[in-house]
Structure formats: C-alpha cells, structure tokens
C-alpha cells in the first residue's frame, strides 16, 4: 500500500511536469522557469524515493543530480546526441550546457525545500 505522503509527492511530481511542459509552450515565460521546475521535479522525486531523509540532504542530492545532468551536456558524442534529439532525451538530458541553468536549478530546489519545510511539514503535523 502506498502511503499518503508518497501519493502527495507523486501528485506534486505530475503537477510540476505538466506546468513545466506548459511553460515551454508559452513564449512569454522565460526558459529559466522550466529549468527551475525541472529541478523542483527532481526534488519531489527524491522525497518520493526517500521520504524519511533529512531535508538538507534531499536538497543537496537533488542539486547534485541537476548539476551532473547539466555537466553531462558538455559531452557531445554522437550516441548521446542521438538520445538528446528524442523528446524523452531532450526532456531528461537537456541539449546544451548553460551556466544560467545552474542558477535556475538552485532556485527550483530552494523553492521545493522552502515549500517542504514551511508548508508541507507544517500541514502534516
């Protein structure tokens, strides 16, 4: 049986994905918003997988995952570029390294940490 907490985070993951995809279709929304939402989704996934882990650890691991995926975009072998040309590959691996994406990831993970620490944990008490 899946716990209520995991259902909550599963819902947050799906909502974040939908909002992130919509943000890419609306030209007036800066691209950094989608990147921040991608990092937020990673953060929700980490909580979903490790619900009893400490918040700071979840935030750090989420940020490291985001940074690692961004750094992987510096590697431009044909086999991985072929994956990046597919929709799932583009959504998961991204396409090109940008320093500004690192800031967006930090904002997304920080926002998730704030919501988790100040809103979700307070309502769960």
Protein backbone atom coordinates (compact mmCIF):
# COMPACT_ATOMS: atom_id res chain seq x y z
CA UNK A 1 0.00 0.00 0.00
CA UNK A 2 1.36 3.38 -0.96
CA UNK A 3 1.43 5.96 1.82
CA UNK A 4 -0.48 9.25 1.76
CA UNK A 5 2.83 11.09 1.74
CA UNK A 6 4.04 9.25 -1.35
CA UNK A 7 0.72 9.90 -3.07
CA UNK A 8 1.16 13.60 -2.28
CA UNK A 9 4.66 13.65 -3.77
CA UNK A 10 3.56 11.63 -6.78
CA UNK A 11 0.86 14.24 -7.37
CA UNK A 12 3.39 17.07 -6.95
CA UNK A 13 5.71 15.37 -9.46
CA UNK A 14 2.93 15.12 -12.05
CA UNK A 15 1.72 18.69 -11.50
CA UNK A 16 5.28 20.01 -11.76
CA UNK A 17 5.82 18.09 -15.01
CA UNK A 18 2.61 19.45 -16.52
CA UNK A 19 3.36 23.04 -15.50
CA UNK A 20 6.94 22.66 -16.78
CA UNK A 21 5.77 21.39 -20.17
CA UNK A 22 3.21 24.18 -20.42
CA UNK A 23 5.89 26.73 -19.54
CA UNK A 24 7.90 25.64 -22.60
CA UNK A 25 4.91 26.22 -24.89
CA UNK A 26 4.23 29.78 -23.72
CA UNK A 27 6.76 32.13 -25.28
CA UNK A 28 6.29 34.86 -22.66
CA UNK A 29 7.57 32.58 -19.87
CA UNK A 30 11.38 32.73 -19.53
CA UNK A 31 13.19 29.44 -20.25
CA UNK A 32 14.71 29.54 -16.77
CA UNK A 33 11.27 28.88 -15.28
CA UNK A 34 11.13 25.49 -17.00
CA UNK A 35 14.63 24.69 -15.75
CA UNK A 36 13.67 25.62 -12.18
CA UNK A 37 10.57 23.43 -12.48
CA UNK A 38 12.72 20.54 -13.74
CA UNK A 39 14.88 20.86 -10.63
CA UNK A 40 11.77 21.06 -8.46
CA UNK A 41 10.53 17.81 -10.05
CA UNK A 42 13.87 16.16 -9.22
CA UNK A 43 13.47 17.36 -5.62
CA UNK A 44 9.92 15.92 -5.36
CA UNK A 45 11.22 12.64 -6.83
CA UNK A 46 13.93 12.47 -4.20
CA UNK A 47 11.38 12.94 -1.41
CA UNK A 48 9.13 10.35 -3.04
CA UNK A 49 12.02 7.83 -3.06
CA UNK A 50 13.49 8.78 0.33
CA UNK A 51 10.65 10.17 2.46
CA UNK A 52 12.50 9.94 5.77
CA UNK A 53 15.74 11.59 4.63
CA UNK A 54 16.73 14.95 6.05
CA UNK A 55 15.58 17.97 4.07
CA UNK A 56 19.08 19.42 3.60
CA UNK A 57 20.39 16.10 2.30
CA UNK A 58 17.47 15.82 -0.15
CA UNK A 59 18.15 19.33 -1.38
CA UNK A 60 21.88 18.72 -1.84
CA UNK A 61 21.42 15.42 -3.65
CA UNK A 62 18.75 16.96 -5.89
CA UNK A 63 21.04 19.83 -6.76
CA UNK A 64 23.94 17.47 -7.44
CA UNK A 65 21.77 15.42 -9.80
CA UNK A 66 20.71 18.57 -11.65
CA UNK A 67 24.28 19.84 -11.88
CA UNK A 68 25.53 16.43 -13.07
CA UNK A 69 22.92 16.28 -15.83
CA UNK A 70 23.84 19.82 -16.89
CA UNK A 71 27.56 18.99 -16.87
CA UNK A 72 26.84 15.89 -18.97
CA UNK A 73 25.71 18.25 -21.74
CA UNK A 74 29.37 19.18 -22.26
CA UNK A 75 29.89 15.62 -23.55
CA UNK A 76 28.91 15.62 -27.21
CA UNK A 77 29.37 12.06 -28.50
CA UNK A 78 27.08 11.08 -31.36
CA UNK A 79 25.36 8.28 -29.41
CA UNK A 80 24.25 10.59 -26.59
CA UNK A 81 23.36 13.38 -29.00
CA UNK A 82 21.09 10.89 -30.79
CA UNK A 83 19.33 10.29 -27.46
CA UNK A 84 19.12 14.05 -26.84
CA UNK A 85 17.38 14.51 -30.20
CA UNK A 86 14.43 12.42 -28.98
CA UNK A 87 11.70 14.07 -26.89
CA UNK A 88 12.41 11.99 -23.75
CA UNK A 89 16.15 12.52 -24.19
CA UNK A 90 15.70 16.27 -24.58
CA UNK A 91 13.43 16.49 -21.53
CA UNK A 92 15.67 14.36 -19.29
CA UNK A 93 19.19 15.16 -20.52
CA UNK A 94 18.75 18.63 -21.98
CA UNK A 95 20.58 19.84 -25.05
CA UNK A 96 23.37 22.28 -24.27
CA UNK A 97 25.28 23.45 -21.23
CA UNK A 98 24.29 26.86 -19.87
CA UNK A 99 25.70 28.43 -16.71
CA UNK A 100 22.34 30.14 -16.15
CA UNK A 101 20.67 26.73 -15.81
CA UNK A 102 22.67 26.12 -12.64
CA UNK A 103 21.05 29.19 -11.07
CA UNK A 104 17.62 28.02 -12.20
CA UNK A 105 18.24 24.61 -10.61
CA UNK A 106 19.30 26.23 -7.34
CA UNK A 107 16.13 28.32 -7.36
CA UNK A 108 13.92 25.30 -8.11
CA UNK A 109 15.45 23.12 -5.40
CA UNK A 110 15.38 26.01 -2.90
CA UNK A 111 11.72 26.63 -3.65
CA UNK A 112 10.99 22.95 -3.08
CA UNK A 113 12.94 22.97 0.17
CA UNK A 114 11.03 26.04 1.33
CA UNK A 115 7.64 24.52 0.48
CA UNK A 116 8.62 21.22 2.08
CA UNK A 117 9.99 22.82 5.24
CA UNK A 118 7.48 25.62 5.76
CA UNK A 119 4.25 24.39 4.18
CA UNK A 120 4.09 20.61 3.77
CA UNK A 121 5.78 19.74 7.08
CA UNK A 122 3.54 22.23 8.91
CA UNK A 123 0.34 20.80 7.43
CA UNK A 124 1.48 17.22 8.17
CA UNK A 125 1.86 17.99 11.89
